[in-house]
Structure formats: C-alpha cells, structure tokens
Amino acid sequence: MDLKKPYTIKEQIDKIRDHGIIISDENFATKMLMEISYYRLSGYMLQYRVSTDSHEMVTGIHFETIYKIYSFDEEIRALLRMYIEKAEFYYKCLIGNNFAELKCQKAPYDQHYDIRNYYDKGGIESTLQNFSKEKKYYKDSAIVKHHYRKYADKMPIWVMMELMTLSSVSFFYHALYQSDKDAIAKQIGISSSTLENHLHALSVLRNKCSHGVRLYNSVMNPPVRFNKSFLRGNPTIKNNSLFAYILMLTKRLPSDKDRKMFRDKLNRIIKKYEADIDLSLVGFPDDYKKFLYLRSIKGIR
C-alpha cells in the first residue's frame, strides 16, 4: 500500500477547513503549520472529532483554539522538565550514596561493577552495557577523561549516577536485591515498590517531555502506584492520567520549597489557558488543588 500523499501548506489549510475547523487568519495558520507541522497539531484536534472513526469535527472550533491547547501542552512539558530534573538529581544522589554505604566500603570500592551484588543479573548487565554507550556522550568531559586515565575507565558509583540517564537509574534500582531496595526507600519513608514505580514513571515522563510528546488527552503508562485505599476513596483520580503523574512528581520533589514553586507555576499556566483547555482530558478532578496542596495525604506519600 502506498504512503499518504504529501500536502503543501495550502493543501494542509484546505484539509483543516474540510474537517470543519474555522481558520479566520490564514497567515497565522500558515506560520504555525510551518513552525509546528500539521501532523503534530492534528493530535490536539482529536477531542473535537464527532466520533473516533471520523475526521469530521464538531462545529464552531477555531484553529486558534487548537493552537492554544498546543501551547498549554508545550508550557506544561517545559515546567515538568524543570522539576523532573530536580527530582532526578535528588534520587541519583540518594541511590548512589546509599549503594556506596551498603556495598562499597572496602577497597577497591568498585562493587557496583560486580553483578553478584544485584538480584537481576541480566538486568544490571544490560544497564552497565548501556551506561558504556551513555558515557560516550561525555567523552570530552574532564570527568570522563580523568577516570579513564587514572582509574582504567572505572568510576565511583556516585560519579556513574551523574552520567546515567534517569531511565538507567530506574533500571539500576530495579536490579538491586530487595533488602538494598528497602534500605534506600526507607530513607524517604516509602516502600521500595512505590519508589521503583515512581522512578519508572518519572523516566517515562522525562522522555516524553524531552521529545515533545503530546501529554494532553493521552493515557500514561505505567500507571502510578498509589495505595488502593487512596484510589478507592478518590475515584475521580485515575492513576494512568497526567494528573496522577503530576501528583507523583509533587510528592517526589526533594523540598517543600520546590513543591510550592512547582504548584504555583502549574496553576499560573492553568489560569492562562483555562478558557480553552479541558482539564478532565489530563485527568484533573474538579478539586485537584486539594490533592496538590495538602502536605500529606494517606496513600500518596
């Protein structure tokens, strides 16, 4: 079967109009299609389809509204990237320092390279192999050059953590023995299964934000781990929604100051676009501020 025929910008505008979207400023639409692309913008039109198997839109939808929804998504991704980074640095430090205390107290202090120190031996072998590839991105850095010359390319665990992606850190934690997972998670007062799930979810969210993947009107995977009692008591919260991921990130930030700044910036973005967005499409319940601002809610520590 042949691929779809490519369309010129003018043909893309005609196609959008054929679907029922109102374009009142063709110059603006042309500029946006050249900057963003029709394909990327089309994902933000899905909510307006008359049915899931039709390209026809409900009447009265303006192209400018679609662009505002896209802009909301863009600003949310930028905000999330900023605060995921804070969480990432914190958990790299937490896991690296605690592993060093648990396993690397005797010379030559390189027990993080020994697969016998991990339960999932195949998983840690893959993670260490992947780290060798990741390290190449930093081959010109002083850190990598120093350890290559002085330590035969080996690094202490806390240095290795600095260069790992968040996905690799998540896999690293997953590979640990249960007792080591528990000892690390105990430092922040949550279960190891919750920390493992949250690290995975954070890595997924980070990758989506870094690659400009649409968050609006999409399902998140894996579902965020909350206590069953919390989910039963709050059925409006779906643990596979963007709101669940935002709630999880809020809890995983390292300080109250970070949490306050994140929530305040999030609310400013929502206020800016509230006339055009549907918060239910990102899983926000009507009383979402209750969950974001309460200091501690049973089930989402």
Protein backbone atom coordinates (compact mmCIF):
# COMPACT_ATOMS: atom_id res chain seq x y z
CA MET A 1 0.00 0.00 0.00
CA ASP A 2 1.29 3.46 -0.91
CA LEU A 3 2.03 6.01 1.80
CA LYS A 4 -0.12 9.10 2.13
CA LYS A 5 0.43 11.82 -0.45
CA PRO A 6 2.37 14.81 0.93
CA TYR A 7 0.41 18.07 1.14
CA THR A 8 1.59 21.63 0.61
CA ILE A 9 0.89 24.13 3.39
CA LYS A 10 -2.02 25.50 1.34
CA GLU A 11 -3.41 21.97 0.94
CA GLN A 12 -2.99 21.40 4.68
CA ILE A 13 -5.05 24.52 5.38
CA ASP A 14 -7.74 23.34 2.98
CA LYS A 15 -7.71 19.93 4.67
CA ILE A 16 -8.17 21.51 8.10
CA ARG A 17 -11.09 23.54 6.81
CA ASP A 18 -12.59 20.43 5.18
CA HIS A 19 -12.59 18.81 8.62
CA GLY A 20 -14.70 21.69 9.94
CA ILE A 21 -12.05 23.77 11.75
CA ILE A 22 -12.53 27.52 11.34
CA ILE A 23 -9.42 29.41 10.14
CA SER A 24 -10.04 33.12 10.42
CA ASP A 25 -6.41 34.20 9.95
CA GLU A 26 -4.77 32.22 7.16
CA ASN A 27 -1.41 33.95 7.62
CA PHE A 28 -1.31 32.85 11.27
CA ALA A 29 -2.31 29.29 10.34
CA THR A 30 0.38 29.18 7.64
CA LYS A 31 3.03 30.37 10.08
CA MET A 32 2.03 27.80 12.72
CA LEU A 33 1.92 24.92 10.25
CA MET A 34 5.42 25.84 9.06
CA GLU A 35 6.74 26.04 12.65
CA ILE A 36 4.93 23.11 14.25
CA SER A 37 3.65 20.86 11.43
CA TYR A 38 0.19 19.64 10.60
CA TYR A 39 0.90 16.19 11.98
CA ARG A 40 1.86 17.49 15.43
CA LEU A 41 -1.11 19.86 15.64
CA SER A 42 -3.57 17.22 14.49
CA GLY A 43 -3.20 15.38 17.81
CA TYR A 44 -4.76 18.35 19.56
CA MET A 45 -7.84 18.14 17.33
CA LEU A 46 -8.78 14.62 18.42
CA GLN A 47 -11.09 15.73 21.21
CA TYR A 48 -13.28 17.58 18.71
CA ARG A 49 -14.00 14.64 16.39
CA VAL A 50 -17.69 13.80 16.10
CA SER A 51 -16.67 10.15 16.61
CA THR A 52 -13.48 8.15 17.00
CA ASP A 53 -13.68 6.77 13.45
CA SER A 54 -14.40 10.12 11.76
CA HIS A 55 -12.17 13.03 10.74
CA GLU A 56 -15.13 15.41 10.84
CA MET A 57 -15.06 17.89 13.72
CA VAL A 58 -17.87 19.33 15.78
CA THR A 59 -18.92 22.75 14.54
CA GLY A 60 -17.56 26.06 15.76
CA ILE A 61 -13.95 25.07 16.59
CA HIS A 62 -11.32 27.67 15.71
CA PHE A 63 -7.76 26.95 14.65
CA GLU A 64 -6.60 29.47 17.27
CA THR A 65 -8.17 27.31 19.99
CA ILE A 66 -6.24 24.27 18.76
CA TYR A 67 -3.03 26.30 18.87
CA LYS A 68 -3.76 27.45 22.45
CA ILE A 69 -4.24 23.86 23.58
CA TYR A 70 -0.93 23.00 21.90
CA SER A 71 0.72 25.95 23.69
CA PHE A 72 -0.68 24.77 27.04
CA ASP A 73 0.83 21.34 26.43
CA GLU A 74 4.14 22.91 25.44
CA GLU A 75 4.32 25.02 28.60
CA ILE A 76 3.37 22.07 30.80
CA ARG A 77 6.16 19.99 29.26
CA ALA A 78 8.68 22.78 29.89
CA LEU A 79 7.58 23.09 33.52
CA LEU A 80 7.72 19.34 34.07
CA ARG A 81 11.21 19.10 32.55
CA MET A 82 12.47 21.70 35.01
CA TYR A 83 11.15 19.91 38.09
CA ILE A 84 11.79 16.35 36.91
CA GLU A 85 15.43 17.42 36.77
CA LYS A 86 15.31 18.40 40.45
CA ALA A 87 13.83 15.01 41.33
CA GLU A 88 16.34 13.25 39.09
CA PHE A 89 19.36 14.81 40.79
CA TYR A 90 17.92 14.02 44.22
CA TYR A 91 17.30 10.33 43.51
CA LYS A 92 20.62 9.85 41.76
CA CYS A 93 22.26 11.17 44.91
CA LEU A 94 20.04 9.07 47.20
CA ILE A 95 20.62 5.80 45.33
CA GLY A 96 24.32 6.39 44.64
CA ASN A 97 25.21 7.39 48.20
CA ASN A 98 23.20 4.60 49.81
CA PHE A 99 24.58 1.93 47.47
CA ALA A 100 28.09 3.15 48.32
CA GLU A 101 27.36 2.74 52.03
CA LEU A 102 25.82 -0.69 51.54
CA LYS A 103 28.35 -2.24 49.14
CA CYS A 104 31.43 -0.10 48.56
CA GLN A 105 33.05 0.27 51.96
CA LYS A 106 36.12 -1.88 51.21
CA ALA A 107 38.87 -1.32 48.64
CA PRO A 108 38.89 -1.23 45.69
CA TYR A 109 35.42 0.35 46.24
CA ASP A 110 34.12 -0.90 42.90
CA GLN A 111 31.42 -3.34 43.99
CA HIS A 112 28.85 -1.61 41.75
CA TYR A 113 30.63 -3.28 38.80
CA ASP A 114 30.21 -6.76 40.32
CA ILE A 115 26.96 -8.36 39.13
CA ARG A 116 26.93 -10.59 42.22
CA ASN A 117 25.73 -7.53 44.15
CA TYR A 118 22.47 -7.47 42.18
CA TYR A 119 19.44 -9.71 42.15
CA ASP A 120 18.59 -9.11 38.48
CA LYS A 121 21.94 -10.02 36.99
CA GLY A 122 20.79 -9.88 33.38
CA GLY A 123 19.18 -6.52 34.01
CA ILE A 124 22.28 -4.97 35.57
CA GLU A 125 24.49 -6.33 32.79
CA SER A 126 22.27 -4.58 30.24
CA THR A 127 22.25 -1.40 32.34
CA LEU A 128 26.05 -1.35 32.63
CA GLN A 129 26.42 -2.01 28.90
CA ASN A 130 24.03 0.82 28.19
CA PHE A 131 25.98 3.06 30.54
CA SER A 132 29.12 2.42 28.48
CA LYS A 133 27.22 3.86 25.49
CA GLU A 134 25.83 6.77 27.53
CA LYS A 135 29.31 7.60 28.77
CA LYS A 136 30.45 8.20 25.19
CA TYR A 137 28.21 11.27 25.07
CA TYR A 138 30.51 12.78 27.71
CA LYS A 139 33.80 11.53 26.29
CA ASP A 140 35.19 15.06 26.04
CA SER A 141 34.29 15.98 29.63
CA ALA A 142 37.00 16.36 32.27
CA ILE A 143 35.25 13.79 34.49
CA VAL A 144 35.36 11.01 31.91
CA LYS A 145 38.92 11.80 30.81
CA HIS A 146 40.13 11.86 34.43
CA HIS A 147 38.66 8.46 35.30
CA TYR A 148 39.84 6.96 32.03
CA ARG A 149 43.45 8.00 32.70
CA LYS A 150 43.66 7.39 36.44
CA TYR A 151 41.23 4.54 37.14
CA ALA A 152 41.24 2.49 33.93
CA ASP A 153 37.88 3.97 32.97
CA LYS A 154 36.14 2.88 36.18
CA MET A 155 34.12 5.39 38.20
CA PRO A 156 32.77 5.55 41.77
CA ILE A 157 29.06 4.83 41.95
CA TRP A 158 28.18 8.47 42.69
CA VAL A 159 30.04 9.64 39.57
CA MET A 160 28.40 6.93 37.48
CA MET A 161 24.98 8.12 38.70
CA GLU A 162 25.73 11.64 37.49
CA LEU A 163 26.24 10.41 33.93
CA MET A 164 23.38 7.90 33.84
CA THR A 165 20.05 8.76 32.28
CA LEU A 166 17.04 8.66 34.58
CA SER A 167 15.89 5.52 32.74
CA SER A 168 19.19 3.80 33.57
CA VAL A 169 18.92 4.87 37.22
CA SER A 170 15.45 3.33 37.28
CA PHE A 171 16.79 0.07 35.82
CA PHE A 172 19.70 0.15 38.28
CA TYR A 173 17.36 0.40 41.27
CA HIS A 174 15.15 -2.34 39.82
CA ALA A 175 18.15 -4.70 39.63
CA LEU A 176 19.07 -4.41 43.34
CA TYR A 177 18.46 -7.05 45.96
CA GLN A 178 15.21 -6.47 47.83
CA SER A 179 16.99 -5.69 51.11
CA ASP A 180 19.02 -2.96 49.39
CA LYS A 181 15.92 -1.51 47.71
CA ASP A 182 14.17 -1.43 51.09
CA ALA A 183 17.11 0.28 52.81
CA ILE A 184 17.15 3.04 50.18
CA ALA A 185 13.38 3.57 50.10
CA LYS A 186 13.29 3.69 53.91
CA GLN A 187 15.38 6.88 53.76
CA ILE A 188 12.38 8.75 52.32
CA GLY A 189 9.63 6.86 54.11
CA ILE A 190 8.05 4.94 51.24
CA SER A 191 8.01 1.31 50.13
CA SER A 192 10.55 0.04 47.64
CA SER A 193 7.76 -0.98 45.25
CA THR A 194 6.44 2.60 45.28
CA LEU A 195 9.89 4.09 44.72
CA GLU A 196 10.57 1.64 41.88
CA ASN A 197 7.28 2.53 40.19
CA HIS A 198 7.80 6.27 40.66
CA LEU A 199 11.32 6.16 39.23
CA HIS A 200 9.96 4.32 36.19
CA ALA A 201 7.12 6.81 35.79
CA LEU A 202 9.48 9.78 36.17
CA SER A 203 11.79 8.38 33.48
CA VAL A 204 8.83 7.91 31.11
CA LEU A 205 7.56 11.41 31.78
CA ARG A 206 11.03 12.89 31.31
CA ASN A 207 11.43 11.17 27.95
CA LYS A 208 8.01 12.31 26.77
CA CYS A 209 8.74 15.91 27.77
CA SER A 210 12.22 15.88 26.25
CA HIS A 211 10.91 14.60 22.91
CA GLY A 212 7.87 16.85 22.74
CA VAL A 213 5.33 14.02 23.00
CA ARG A 214 1.74 15.16 23.45
CA LEU A 215 0.57 14.89 27.06
CA TYR A 216 -2.85 16.46 26.56
CA ASN A 217 -5.66 13.95 26.07
CA SER A 218 -3.39 10.92 26.35
CA VAL A 219 -3.06 7.88 28.60
CA MET A 220 0.11 7.49 30.69
CA ASN A 221 1.90 4.21 31.22
CA PRO A 222 2.88 2.78 33.63
CA PRO A 223 0.00 3.71 35.95
CA VAL A 224 1.31 5.50 39.04
CA ARG A 225 1.38 3.40 42.19
CA PHE A 226 -0.90 4.76 44.92
CA ASN A 227 -2.41 2.88 47.84
CA LYS A 228 -5.57 1.00 46.88
CA SER A 229 -7.40 2.71 49.73
CA PHE A 230 -6.49 6.11 48.29
CA LEU A 231 -7.76 5.19 44.82
CA ARG A 232 -10.96 3.68 46.25
CA GLY A 233 -11.56 6.78 48.35
CA ASN A 234 -10.84 9.15 45.46
CA PRO A 235 -12.36 7.57 42.32
CA THR A 236 -12.01 10.81 40.33
CA ILE A 237 -8.23 10.28 40.25
CA LYS A 238 -7.08 7.95 37.50
CA ASN A 239 -3.57 6.63 38.08
CA ASN A 240 -2.86 6.49 34.33
CA SER A 241 -3.52 10.21 33.83
CA LEU A 242 -1.19 13.18 33.55
CA PHE A 243 -2.62 14.50 36.83
CA ALA A 244 -1.52 11.29 38.59
CA TYR A 245 1.99 11.80 37.21
CA ILE A 246 1.96 15.44 38.33
CA LEU A 247 0.77 14.41 41.79
CA MET A 248 3.54 11.79 41.95
CA LEU A 249 6.18 14.32 40.86
CA THR A 250 4.97 16.75 43.53
CA LYS A 251 5.50 14.09 46.19
CA ARG A 252 8.90 13.09 44.83
CA LEU A 253 10.37 16.60 44.80
CA PRO A 254 13.11 16.99 47.42
CA SER A 255 11.80 20.04 49.33
CA ASP A 256 8.68 21.97 50.31
CA LYS A 257 10.13 25.00 48.53
CA ASP A 258 10.34 23.05 45.26
CA ARG A 259 6.78 21.76 45.73
CA LYS A 260 5.41 25.25 46.34
CA MET A 261 7.17 26.75 43.32
CA PHE A 262 6.06 23.87 41.09
CA ARG A 263 2.41 24.10 42.17
CA ASP A 264 2.32 27.87 41.84
CA LYS A 265 3.79 27.78 38.32
CA LEU A 266 1.41 24.98 37.33
CA ASN A 267 -1.58 26.99 38.50
CA ARG A 268 -0.43 30.05 36.58
CA ILE A 269 -0.28 28.01 33.36
CA ILE A 270 -3.74 26.57 34.01
CA LYS A 271 -5.11 30.05 34.70
CA LYS A 272 -3.59 31.34 31.46
CA TYR A 273 -5.30 28.71 29.31
CA GLU A 274 -8.40 27.82 31.33
CA ALA A 275 -10.79 29.27 28.72
CA ASP A 276 -9.55 26.87 26.04
CA ILE A 277 -8.48 23.65 27.77
CA ASP A 278 -10.48 20.79 29.27
CA LEU A 279 -8.65 19.72 32.42
CA SER A 280 -10.59 16.46 32.55
CA LEU A 281 -8.62 15.39 29.45
CA VAL A 282 -5.44 15.40 31.53
CA GLY A 283 -7.14 13.72 34.49
CA PHE A 284 -7.59 16.76 36.73
CA PRO A 285 -10.57 16.35 39.10
CA ASP A 286 -12.60 19.45 39.98
CA ASP A 287 -10.99 19.56 43.43
CA TYR A 288 -7.45 18.94 42.16
CA LYS A 289 -5.93 21.70 44.33
CA LYS A 290 -6.88 19.73 47.44
CA PHE A 291 -4.54 16.95 46.38
CA LEU A 292 -1.72 19.21 45.23
CA TYR A 293 -1.64 21.49 48.26
CA LEU A 294 -2.28 19.23 51.23
CA ARG A 295 1.04 18.50 52.87
CA SER A 296 0.37 14.80 53.29
CA ILE A 297 -2.43 12.58 52.05
CA LYS A 298 -2.58 8.94 53.10
CA GLY A 299 -1.72 6.76 50.14
CA ILE A 300 0.40 9.20 48.11
CA ARG A 301 3.42 9.83 50.36
